[in-house]
Amino acid sequence: MQLKSGTLGKLTFGPVFMPKGYGKVMNDLTQEEMGTTHREKAWRELIADIEKGRS
């Protein structure tokens, strides 16, 4: 956990948590560094379930 906040406005705790192996807080990671988030995965699964129900 960082004492100085990083970029605000993305993830709730992203401005203060620095993942191991990275030299920056979560909100300052690029999309490639971050990978697929649990929220993105959940949205994709929800959309797939909705689309299955329509067919």
PDB file of N, CA and C in Angstrom:
ATOM      1  N   MET A   1       0.849  -1.167   0.000  1.00  0.00           N
ATOM      2  CA  MET A   1       0.000   0.000   0.000  1.00  0.00           C
ATOM      3  C   MET A   1       0.893   1.227   0.000  1.00  0.00           C
ATOM      4  N   GLN A   2       0.533   2.172  -0.816  1.00  0.00           N
ATOM      5  CA  GLN A   2       1.321   3.383  -0.966  1.00  0.00           C
ATOM      6  C   GLN A   2       0.811   4.488  -0.046  1.00  0.00           C
ATOM      7  N   LEU A   3       1.712   5.324   0.402  1.00  0.00           N
ATOM      8  CA  LEU A   3       1.320   6.465   1.224  1.00  0.00           C
ATOM      9  C   LEU A   3       0.874   7.639   0.364  1.00  0.00           C
ATOM     10  N   LYS A   4       1.427   7.742  -0.853  1.00  0.00           N
ATOM     11  CA  LYS A   4       1.043   8.813  -1.769  1.00  0.00           C
ATOM     12  C   LYS A   4       0.118   8.223  -2.834  1.00  0.00           C
ATOM     13  N   SER A   5      -1.032   8.844  -3.030  1.00  0.00           N
ATOM     14  CA  SER A   5      -2.025   8.361  -3.975  1.00  0.00           C
ATOM     15  C   SER A   5      -1.545   8.502  -5.416  1.00  0.00           C
ATOM     16  N   GLY A   6      -1.902   7.515  -6.224  1.00  0.00           N
ATOM     17  CA  GLY A   6      -1.652   7.588  -7.660  1.00  0.00           C
ATOM     18  C   GLY A   6      -2.851   8.242  -8.339  1.00  0.00           C
ATOM     19  N   THR A   7      -3.046   7.921  -9.619  1.00  0.00           N
ATOM     20  CA  THR A   7      -4.145   8.474 -10.402  1.00  0.00           C
ATOM     21  C   THR A   7      -5.489   8.081  -9.797  1.00  0.00           C
ATOM     22  N   LEU A   8      -6.390   9.037  -9.662  1.00  0.00           N
ATOM     23  CA  LEU A   8      -7.724   8.780  -9.117  1.00  0.00           C
ATOM     24  C   LEU A   8      -8.712   8.549 -10.250  1.00  0.00           C
ATOM     25  N   GLY A   9      -9.850   7.924  -9.945  1.00  0.00           N
ATOM     26  CA  GLY A   9     -10.938   7.842 -10.902  1.00  0.00           C
ATOM     27  C   GLY A   9     -11.122   6.513 -11.603  1.00  0.00           C
ATOM     28  N   LYS A  10     -10.349   5.507 -11.279  1.00  0.00           N
ATOM     29  CA  LYS A  10     -10.554   4.204 -11.905  1.00  0.00           C
ATOM     30  C   LYS A  10     -11.085   3.235 -10.866  1.00  0.00           C
ATOM     31  N   LEU A  11     -10.233   2.388 -10.350  1.00  0.00           N
ATOM     32  CA  LEU A  11     -10.645   1.407  -9.356  1.00  0.00           C
ATOM     33  C   LEU A  11     -10.705   2.034  -7.971  1.00  0.00           C
ATOM     34  N   THR A  12     -11.592   1.537  -7.135  1.00  0.00           N
ATOM     35  CA  THR A  12     -11.794   2.094  -5.803  1.00  0.00           C
ATOM     36  C   THR A  12     -10.509   2.186  -4.993  1.00  0.00           C
ATOM     37  N   PHE A  13      -9.761   1.082  -4.925  1.00  0.00           N
ATOM     38  CA  PHE A  13      -8.524   1.067  -4.151  1.00  0.00           C
ATOM     39  C   PHE A  13      -7.299   1.193  -5.040  1.00  0.00           C
ATOM     40  N   GLY A  14      -7.505   1.370  -6.338  1.00  0.00           N
ATOM     41  CA  GLY A  14      -6.411   1.438  -7.291  1.00  0.00           C
ATOM     42  C   GLY A  14      -5.368   2.510  -7.044  1.00  0.00           C
ATOM     43  N   PRO A  15      -5.747   3.667  -6.486  1.00  0.00           N
ATOM     44  CA  PRO A  15      -4.743   4.712  -6.285  1.00  0.00           C
ATOM     45  C   PRO A  15      -3.739   4.410  -5.187  1.00  0.00           C
ATOM     46  N   VAL A  16      -4.000   3.420  -4.339  1.00  0.00           N
ATOM     47  CA  VAL A  16      -3.092   3.173  -3.215  1.00  0.00           C
ATOM     48  C   VAL A  16      -2.447   1.787  -3.200  1.00  0.00           C
ATOM     49  N   PHE A  17      -2.942   0.835  -4.001  1.00  0.00           N
ATOM     50  CA  PHE A  17      -2.371  -0.508  -3.996  1.00  0.00           C
ATOM     51  C   PHE A  17      -1.418  -0.727  -5.154  1.00  0.00           C
ATOM     52  N   MET A  18      -0.228  -1.211  -4.823  1.00  0.00           N
ATOM     53  CA  MET A  18       0.787  -1.497  -5.821  1.00  0.00           C
ATOM     54  C   MET A  18       0.984  -3.015  -5.885  1.00  0.00           C
ATOM     55  N   PRO A  19       0.611  -3.651  -7.011  1.00  0.00           N
ATOM     56  CA  PRO A  19       0.794  -5.095  -7.127  1.00  0.00           C
ATOM     57  C   PRO A  19       2.273  -5.465  -7.100  1.00  0.00           C
ATOM     58  N   LYS A  20       2.576  -6.635  -6.532  1.00  0.00           N
ATOM     59  CA  LYS A  20       3.962  -7.108  -6.501  1.00  0.00           C
ATOM     60  C   LYS A  20       4.487  -7.229  -7.930  1.00  0.00           C
ATOM     61  N   GLY A  21       5.724  -6.801  -8.117  1.00  0.00           N
ATOM     62  CA  GLY A  21       6.354  -6.903  -9.425  1.00  0.00           C
ATOM     63  C   GLY A  21       6.150  -5.691 -10.312  1.00  0.00           C
ATOM     64  N   TYR A  22       5.364  -4.722  -9.835  1.00  0.00           N
ATOM     65  CA  TYR A  22       5.126  -3.500 -10.604  1.00  0.00           C
ATOM     66  C   TYR A  22       5.634  -2.315  -9.803  1.00  0.00           C
ATOM     67  N   GLY A  23       6.128  -1.317 -10.473  1.00  0.00           N
ATOM     68  CA  GLY A  23       6.637  -0.136  -9.794  1.00  0.00           C
ATOM     69  C   GLY A  23       5.641   1.007  -9.759  1.00  0.00           C
ATOM     70  N   LYS A  24       4.350   0.673  -9.890  1.00  0.00           N
ATOM     71  CA  LYS A  24       3.318   1.717  -9.870  1.00  0.00           C
ATOM     72  C   LYS A  24       2.019   1.146  -9.315  1.00  0.00           C
ATOM     73  N   VAL A  25       1.132   2.044  -8.900  1.00  0.00           N
ATOM     74  CA  VAL A  25      -0.146   1.632  -8.321  1.00  0.00           C
ATOM     75  C   VAL A  25      -1.080   1.118  -9.407  1.00  0.00           C
ATOM     76  N   MET A  26      -2.126   0.406  -8.994  1.00  0.00           N
ATOM     77  CA  MET A  26      -3.041  -0.232  -9.946  1.00  0.00           C
ATOM     78  C   MET A  26      -3.644   0.740 -10.950  1.00  0.00           C
ATOM     79  N   ASN A  27      -4.048   1.926 -10.514  1.00  0.00           N
ATOM     80  CA  ASN A  27      -4.672   2.879 -11.436  1.00  0.00           C
ATOM     81  C   ASN A  27      -3.711   3.406 -12.489  1.00  0.00           C
ATOM     82  N   ASP A  28      -2.417   3.239 -12.280  1.00  0.00           N
ATOM     83  CA  ASP A  28      -1.446   3.708 -13.259  1.00  0.00           C
ATOM     84  C   ASP A  28      -0.976   2.592 -14.194  1.00  0.00           C
ATOM     85  N   LEU A  29      -1.516   1.372 -14.029  1.00  0.00           N
ATOM     86  CA  LEU A  29      -1.172   0.275 -14.924  1.00  0.00           C
ATOM     87  C   LEU A  29      -1.897   0.441 -16.254  1.00  0.00           C
ATOM     88  N   THR A  30      -1.257  -0.008 -17.334  1.00  0.00           N
ATOM     89  CA  THR A  30      -1.928   0.007 -18.635  1.00  0.00           C
ATOM     90  C   THR A  30      -2.908  -1.159 -18.700  1.00  0.00           C
ATOM     91  N   GLN A  31      -3.783  -1.157 -19.688  1.00  0.00           N
ATOM     92  CA  GLN A  31      -4.742  -2.250 -19.867  1.00  0.00           C
ATOM     93  C   GLN A  31      -4.009  -3.582 -20.047  1.00  0.00           C
ATOM     94  N   GLU A  32      -2.897  -3.564 -20.764  1.00  0.00           N
ATOM     95  CA  GLU A  32      -2.118  -4.785 -20.987  1.00  0.00           C
ATOM     96  C   GLU A  32      -1.518  -5.298 -19.679  1.00  0.00           C
ATOM     97  N   GLU A  33      -1.030  -4.389 -18.838  1.00  0.00           N
ATOM     98  CA  GLU A  33      -0.459  -4.786 -17.547  1.00  0.00           C
ATOM     99  C   GLU A  33      -1.543  -5.300 -16.600  1.00  0.00           C
ATOM    100  N   MET A  34      -2.708  -4.692 -16.646  1.00  0.00           N
ATOM    101  CA  MET A  34      -3.801  -5.049 -15.742  1.00  0.00           C
ATOM    102  C   MET A  34      -4.412  -6.388 -16.128  1.00  0.00           C
ATOM    103  N   GLY A  35      -4.540  -6.642 -17.413  1.00  0.00           N
ATOM    104  CA  GLY A  35      -5.196  -7.871 -17.856  1.00  0.00           C
ATOM    105  C   GLY A  35      -6.701  -7.740 -17.701  1.00  0.00           C
ATOM    106  N   THR A  36      -7.385  -8.853 -17.716  1.00  0.00           N
ATOM    107  CA  THR A  36      -8.835  -8.869 -17.585  1.00  0.00           C
ATOM    108  C   THR A  36      -9.204  -8.771 -16.105  1.00  0.00           C
ATOM    109  N   THR A  37     -10.011  -7.789 -15.760  1.00  0.00           N
ATOM    110  CA  THR A  37     -10.432  -7.619 -14.371  1.00  0.00           C
ATOM    111  C   THR A  37     -11.621  -8.535 -14.067  1.00  0.00           C
ATOM    112  N   HIS A  38     -11.890  -8.766 -12.806  1.00  0.00           N
ATOM    113  CA  HIS A  38     -13.037  -9.588 -12.431  1.00  0.00           C
ATOM    114  C   HIS A  38     -14.345  -8.936 -12.868  1.00  0.00           C
ATOM    115  N   ARG A  39     -14.371  -7.631 -12.912  1.00  0.00           N
ATOM    116  CA  ARG A  39     -15.596  -6.937 -13.347  1.00  0.00           C
ATOM    117  C   ARG A  39     -15.838  -7.147 -14.836  1.00  0.00           C
ATOM    118  N   GLU A  40     -14.775  -7.038 -15.626  1.00  0.00           N
ATOM    119  CA  GLU A  40     -14.912  -7.261 -17.066  1.00  0.00           C
ATOM    120  C   GLU A  40     -15.360  -8.692 -17.345  1.00  0.00           C
ATOM    121  N   LYS A  41     -14.767  -9.650 -16.635  1.00  0.00           N
ATOM    122  CA  LYS A  41     -15.139 -11.053 -16.808  1.00  0.00           C
ATOM    123  C   LYS A  41     -16.612 -11.260 -16.468  1.00  0.00           C
ATOM    124  N   ALA A  42     -17.073 -10.666 -15.369  1.00  0.00           N
ATOM    125  CA  ALA A  42     -18.471 -10.807 -14.954  1.00  0.00           C
ATOM    126  C   ALA A  42     -19.419 -10.210 -15.996  1.00  0.00           C
ATOM    127  N   TRP A  43     -19.093  -9.040 -16.536  1.00  0.00           N
ATOM    128  CA  TRP A  43     -19.932  -8.418 -17.566  1.00  0.00           C
ATOM    129  C   TRP A  43     -20.006  -9.288 -18.811  1.00  0.00           C
ATOM    130  N   ARG A  44     -18.873  -9.825 -19.220  1.00  0.00           N
ATOM    131  CA  ARG A  44     -18.856 -10.689 -20.417  1.00  0.00           C
ATOM    132  C   ARG A  44     -19.717 -11.939 -20.198  1.00  0.00           C
ATOM    133  N   GLU A  45     -19.640 -12.523 -19.008  1.00  0.00           N
ATOM    134  CA  GLU A  45     -20.459 -13.696 -18.701  1.00  0.00           C
ATOM    135  C   GLU A  45     -21.948 -13.343 -18.676  1.00  0.00           C
ATOM    136  N   LEU A  46     -22.284 -12.189 -18.111  1.00  0.00           N
ATOM    137  CA  LEU A  46     -23.677 -11.753 -18.064  1.00  0.00           C
ATOM    138  C   LEU A  46     -24.218 -11.539 -19.474  1.00  0.00           C
ATOM    139  N   ILE A  47     -23.464 -10.864 -20.311  1.00  0.00           N
ATOM    140  CA  ILE A  47     -23.893 -10.622 -21.692  1.00  0.00           C
ATOM    141  C   ILE A  47     -24.085 -11.940 -22.432  1.00  0.00           C
ATOM    142  N   ALA A  48     -23.160 -12.880 -22.252  1.00  0.00           N
ATOM    143  CA  ALA A  48     -23.280 -14.189 -22.904  1.00  0.00           C
ATOM    144  C   ALA A  48     -24.545 -14.908 -22.432  1.00  0.00           C
ATOM    145  N   ASP A  49     -24.841 -14.851 -21.132  1.00  0.00           N
ATOM    146  CA  ASP A  49     -26.047 -15.489 -20.598  1.00  0.00           C
ATOM    147  C   ASP A  49     -27.310 -14.849 -21.163  1.00  0.00           C
ATOM    148  N   ILE A  50     -27.322 -13.535 -21.276  1.00  0.00           N
ATOM    149  CA  ILE A  50     -28.473 -12.840 -21.845  1.00  0.00           C
ATOM    150  C   ILE A  50     -28.661 -13.218 -23.292  1.00  0.00           C
ATOM    151  N   GLU A  51     -27.564 -13.265 -24.039  1.00  0.00           N
ATOM    152  CA  GLU A  51     -27.654 -13.617 -25.462  1.00  0.00           C
ATOM    153  C   GLU A  51     -28.119 -15.062 -25.643  1.00  0.00           C
ATOM    154  N   LYS A  52     -27.739 -15.962 -24.759  1.00  0.00           N
ATOM    155  CA  LYS A  52     -28.204 -17.351 -24.831  1.00  0.00           C
ATOM    156  C   LYS A  52     -29.718 -17.409 -24.647  1.00  0.00           C
ATOM    157  N   GLY A  53     -30.235 -16.579 -23.756  1.00  0.00           N
ATOM    158  CA  GLY A  53     -31.667 -16.561 -23.473  1.00  0.00           C
ATOM    159  C   GLY A  53     -32.486 -16.051 -24.648  1.00  0.00           C
ATOM    160  N   ARG A  54     -31.870 -15.294 -25.537  1.00  0.00           N
ATOM    161  CA  ARG A  54     -32.586 -14.735 -26.686  1.00  0.00           C
ATOM    162  C   ARG A  54     -32.654 -15.712 -27.853  1.00  0.00           C
ATOM    163  N   SER A  55     -31.780 -16.716 -27.867  1.00  0.00           N
ATOM    164  CA  SER A  55     -31.752 -17.608 -29.024  1.00  0.00           C
ATOM    165  C   SER A  55     -32.669 -18.804 -28.869  1.00  0.00           C
TER     166      SER A  55
END
